[in-house]
Amino acid sequence: MNPGSHPPLTDPKVTISLKRFLLIEQCPETWRSLDLYLFRDDAVVFYVGQSHLAFARVWQHLLDGFKGRSLVGRFVWSNWPTSMRFTLELLSSQSAQFHAIGHDVTAVEQGLIAQWSPCLNVTHNRQPTPIPPAYRLPNASLRCGRSLKKLIREAERAVRLEDNQPG
């Protein structure tokens, strides 16, 4: 370990549905060290990315998706409301699982891309997984309005329904 470096965190990770993520306006303190993110469903990873603050970068993708400036954001909104069930994973490059590659965020991101072959990652991805036929392509027309407030209200309703279902 380098002098002045911190010991790696054991396994900092957040796994959350997109609908629940949309209800969180401010990054929780415990998420601030998370610098990697995955958009996925139960069968396939759509995108892997890195950022100093993964929470903020995910929000940026979502907002830029309305304007066509983020492929993954556009994919989310093109598949609304189905995409509410997508899962977001926020990870830390400092996690013990990444010790072998020196906790280097770029190396970790490249490793995750190699592991998962995400549909929407082009760089460092020799064979992107095809987008499953159940989903619309990112260049499809949006399946939702461009009002984030309205979409958040839809997500709130979906979360309430999910929470009130007998377990």
Foldseek 3Di string as FASTA:
>chain_A
DDPPDDQFDAWDKDKDFQLVLLLDDDDDPSQQQFFKKWKAAPPATADIDGDNRVSVVVVVLLLCLVVVPHQVNLQLQQFPPVSSRIMMMTTHLSHPVNVVVPSDRVVVRLVVCPVGLHQHDDPSRPHRDPDPPVGDGSVHDGPDDSDSVVVSVVSVVVVVVVVPDDD
